Amino acid sequence: IGFLSPADAPRLAEAAEARLALAVGAREPSDGSGAPAAKMGQCPNCGAAALTHQEGCDICLNCGYSRCG
């Protein structure tokens, strides 16, 4: 990751996931920290915690898996 230490990587990944969730419109109520808390489900296809709900479908932001209905 460049200039970051290995200890910083998990925090960076969490921040990136939260920012991505905001970018695609998955907004949750604030947890009191000033930023909305992002809640992502686990993808049944790739196992990543990147499953979001958009326009009536579950969509994995990691592998592209989708299920509608």
N, C-alpha and C. Protein backbone atom coordinates (compact mmCIF):
# COMPACT_ATOMS: atom_id res chain seq x y z
N ILE A 1 0.85 -1.18 0.00
CA ILE A 1 0.00 0.00 0.00
C ILE A 1 0.89 1.24 0.00
N GLY A 2 2.12 1.11 -0.18
CA GLY A 2 2.98 2.28 -0.27
C GLY A 2 3.53 2.68 1.07
N PHE A 3 3.19 3.88 1.51
CA PHE A 3 3.76 4.44 2.72
C PHE A 3 3.08 3.99 4.01
N LEU A 4 2.00 3.22 3.93
CA LEU A 4 1.29 2.76 5.12
C LEU A 4 1.93 1.49 5.67
N SER A 5 1.88 1.35 6.98
CA SER A 5 2.39 0.14 7.59
C SER A 5 1.36 -0.97 7.46
N PRO A 6 1.74 -2.23 7.61
CA PRO A 6 0.77 -3.33 7.55
C PRO A 6 -0.34 -3.18 8.58
N ALA A 7 -0.06 -2.55 9.72
CA ALA A 7 -1.09 -2.35 10.75
C ALA A 7 -2.18 -1.39 10.28
N ASP A 8 -1.87 -0.51 9.33
CA ASP A 8 -2.85 0.45 8.83
C ASP A 8 -3.77 -0.15 7.77
N ALA A 9 -3.40 -1.26 7.18
CA ALA A 9 -4.16 -1.84 6.07
C ALA A 9 -5.61 -2.17 6.43
N PRO A 10 -5.91 -2.79 7.58
CA PRO A 10 -7.31 -3.08 7.89
C PRO A 10 -8.16 -1.81 8.01
N ARG A 11 -7.61 -0.77 8.61
CA ARG A 11 -8.37 0.49 8.74
C ARG A 11 -8.60 1.11 7.37
N LEU A 12 -7.62 1.03 6.50
CA LEU A 12 -7.76 1.57 5.16
C LEU A 12 -8.82 0.79 4.40
N ALA A 13 -8.83 -0.53 4.54
CA ALA A 13 -9.84 -1.36 3.87
C ALA A 13 -11.24 -1.03 4.37
N GLU A 14 -11.40 -0.84 5.68
CA GLU A 14 -12.70 -0.48 6.23
C GLU A 14 -13.16 0.87 5.72
N ALA A 15 -12.26 1.83 5.65
CA ALA A 15 -12.60 3.16 5.16
C ALA A 15 -12.99 3.11 3.68
N ALA A 16 -12.26 2.33 2.90
CA ALA A 16 -12.57 2.20 1.48
C ALA A 16 -13.93 1.54 1.27
N GLU A 17 -14.23 0.51 2.06
CA GLU A 17 -15.52 -0.17 1.96
C GLU A 17 -16.66 0.77 2.33
N ALA A 18 -16.48 1.55 3.39
CA ALA A 18 -17.52 2.50 3.80
C ALA A 18 -17.73 3.57 2.73
N ARG A 19 -16.65 4.06 2.14
CA ARG A 19 -16.76 5.09 1.10
C ARG A 19 -17.44 4.52 -0.14
N LEU A 20 -17.13 3.30 -0.51
CA LEU A 20 -17.76 2.66 -1.66
C LEU A 20 -19.25 2.49 -1.42
N ALA A 21 -19.61 2.10 -0.22
CA ALA A 21 -21.03 1.93 0.12
C ALA A 21 -21.77 3.26 -0.01
N LEU A 22 -21.15 4.35 0.41
CA LEU A 22 -21.77 5.66 0.27
C LEU A 22 -21.91 6.04 -1.20
N ALA A 23 -20.91 5.71 -1.99
CA ALA A 23 -20.93 6.08 -3.41
C ALA A 23 -22.06 5.38 -4.16
N VAL A 24 -22.42 4.18 -3.76
CA VAL A 24 -23.48 3.45 -4.46
C VAL A 24 -24.84 3.63 -3.79
N GLY A 25 -24.90 4.44 -2.74
CA GLY A 25 -26.18 4.76 -2.13
C GLY A 25 -26.62 3.88 -1.00
N ALA A 26 -25.77 3.04 -0.47
CA ALA A 26 -26.15 2.19 0.66
C ALA A 26 -25.90 2.95 1.95
N ARG A 27 -26.82 3.82 2.31
CA ARG A 27 -26.65 4.65 3.49
C ARG A 27 -27.42 4.09 4.67
N GLU A 28 -26.78 4.07 5.77
CA GLU A 28 -27.37 3.59 7.02
C GLU A 28 -27.35 4.75 8.01
N PRO A 29 -28.13 4.67 9.07
CA PRO A 29 -28.10 5.73 10.09
C PRO A 29 -26.71 5.89 10.68
N SER A 30 -26.41 7.08 11.11
CA SER A 30 -25.11 7.37 11.70
C SER A 30 -24.92 6.60 13.00
N ASP A 31 -23.70 6.19 13.26
CA ASP A 31 -23.40 5.49 14.51
C ASP A 31 -22.90 6.46 15.58
N GLY A 32 -23.02 7.76 15.32
CA GLY A 32 -22.58 8.77 16.28
C GLY A 32 -21.19 9.29 16.02
N SER A 33 -20.48 8.71 15.07
CA SER A 33 -19.12 9.15 14.78
C SER A 33 -19.10 10.29 13.77
N GLY A 34 -20.27 10.68 13.27
CA GLY A 34 -20.33 11.75 12.29
C GLY A 34 -20.44 11.24 10.87
N ALA A 35 -20.08 9.99 10.64
CA ALA A 35 -20.18 9.40 9.30
C ALA A 35 -21.23 8.30 9.33
N PRO A 36 -22.01 8.19 8.26
CA PRO A 36 -22.99 7.10 8.22
C PRO A 36 -22.30 5.75 8.27
N ALA A 37 -22.90 4.82 8.97
CA ALA A 37 -22.33 3.47 9.07
C ALA A 37 -22.76 2.66 7.85
N ALA A 38 -21.81 2.05 7.17
CA ALA A 38 -22.12 1.22 6.01
C ALA A 38 -22.32 -0.22 6.47
N LYS A 39 -23.32 -0.87 5.91
CA LYS A 39 -23.60 -2.26 6.28
C LYS A 39 -23.63 -3.07 4.99
N MET A 40 -22.69 -3.98 4.85
CA MET A 40 -22.59 -4.80 3.66
C MET A 40 -22.78 -6.25 4.05
N GLY A 41 -23.52 -6.98 3.22
CA GLY A 41 -23.72 -8.40 3.47
C GLY A 41 -22.61 -9.23 2.85
N GLN A 42 -22.61 -10.51 3.15
CA GLN A 42 -21.60 -11.42 2.60
C GLN A 42 -22.11 -12.03 1.31
N CYS A 43 -21.31 -11.97 0.26
CA CYS A 43 -21.67 -12.51 -1.05
C CYS A 43 -21.66 -14.04 -1.01
N PRO A 44 -22.74 -14.68 -1.49
CA PRO A 44 -22.77 -16.14 -1.51
C PRO A 44 -21.86 -16.73 -2.59
N ASN A 45 -21.44 -15.92 -3.55
CA ASN A 45 -20.60 -16.40 -4.64
C ASN A 45 -19.11 -16.34 -4.30
N CYS A 46 -18.63 -15.16 -3.87
CA CYS A 46 -17.19 -15.01 -3.61
C CYS A 46 -16.85 -14.91 -2.13
N GLY A 47 -17.85 -14.72 -1.26
CA GLY A 47 -17.62 -14.66 0.17
C GLY A 47 -17.19 -13.30 0.70
N ALA A 48 -17.02 -12.32 -0.18
CA ALA A 48 -16.60 -10.99 0.26
C ALA A 48 -17.74 -10.27 0.97
N ALA A 49 -17.39 -9.40 1.89
CA ALA A 49 -18.38 -8.58 2.58
C ALA A 49 -18.66 -7.35 1.71
N ALA A 50 -19.23 -7.60 0.53
CA ALA A 50 -19.45 -6.53 -0.44
C ALA A 50 -20.83 -6.61 -1.08
N LEU A 51 -21.77 -7.27 -0.41
CA LEU A 51 -23.11 -7.44 -0.96
C LEU A 51 -23.98 -6.26 -0.54
N THR A 52 -24.54 -5.56 -1.50
CA THR A 52 -25.40 -4.42 -1.24
C THR A 52 -26.73 -4.62 -1.94
N HIS A 53 -27.72 -3.85 -1.56
CA HIS A 53 -29.06 -3.95 -2.16
C HIS A 53 -29.32 -2.70 -2.97
N GLN A 54 -29.54 -2.85 -4.28
CA GLN A 54 -29.79 -1.73 -5.18
C GLN A 54 -30.94 -2.07 -6.10
N GLU A 55 -31.92 -1.17 -6.19
CA GLU A 55 -33.03 -1.30 -7.13
C GLU A 55 -33.68 -2.67 -7.08
N GLY A 56 -33.88 -3.20 -5.88
CA GLY A 56 -34.55 -4.48 -5.72
C GLY A 56 -33.68 -5.70 -5.91
N CYS A 57 -32.39 -5.52 -6.09
CA CYS A 57 -31.48 -6.64 -6.31
C CYS A 57 -30.34 -6.62 -5.30
N ASP A 58 -29.86 -7.82 -4.95
CA ASP A 58 -28.63 -7.93 -4.18
C ASP A 58 -27.49 -7.99 -5.18
N ILE A 59 -26.49 -7.11 -5.02
CA ILE A 59 -25.38 -7.01 -5.96
C ILE A 59 -24.07 -7.03 -5.18
N CYS A 60 -23.14 -7.88 -5.62
CA CYS A 60 -21.82 -7.93 -5.00
C CYS A 60 -20.91 -6.94 -5.72
N LEU A 61 -20.34 -6.02 -4.95
CA LEU A 61 -19.44 -5.02 -5.52
C LEU A 61 -18.06 -5.59 -5.80
N ASN A 62 -17.81 -6.82 -5.33
CA ASN A 62 -16.51 -7.45 -5.55
C ASN A 62 -16.49 -8.28 -6.83
N CYS A 63 -17.48 -9.18 -7.00
CA CYS A 63 -17.43 -10.11 -8.14
C CYS A 63 -18.54 -9.89 -9.17
N GLY A 64 -19.52 -9.03 -8.84
CA GLY A 64 -20.60 -8.76 -9.79
C GLY A 64 -21.81 -9.66 -9.65
N TYR A 65 -21.79 -10.61 -8.72
CA TYR A 65 -22.94 -11.48 -8.48
C TYR A 65 -24.18 -10.62 -8.27
N SER A 66 -25.32 -11.08 -8.81
CA SER A 66 -26.58 -10.37 -8.55
C SER A 66 -27.73 -11.36 -8.45
N ARG A 67 -28.68 -11.01 -7.61
CA ARG A 67 -29.90 -11.79 -7.45
C ARG A 67 -31.03 -10.79 -7.24
N CYS A 68 -32.05 -10.90 -8.05
CA CYS A 68 -33.18 -9.98 -7.97
C CYS A 68 -34.42 -10.72 -7.49
N GLY A 69 -35.30 -9.94 -6.85
CA GLY A 69 -36.57 -10.54 -6.46
C GLY A 69 -36.86 -10.53 -5.04
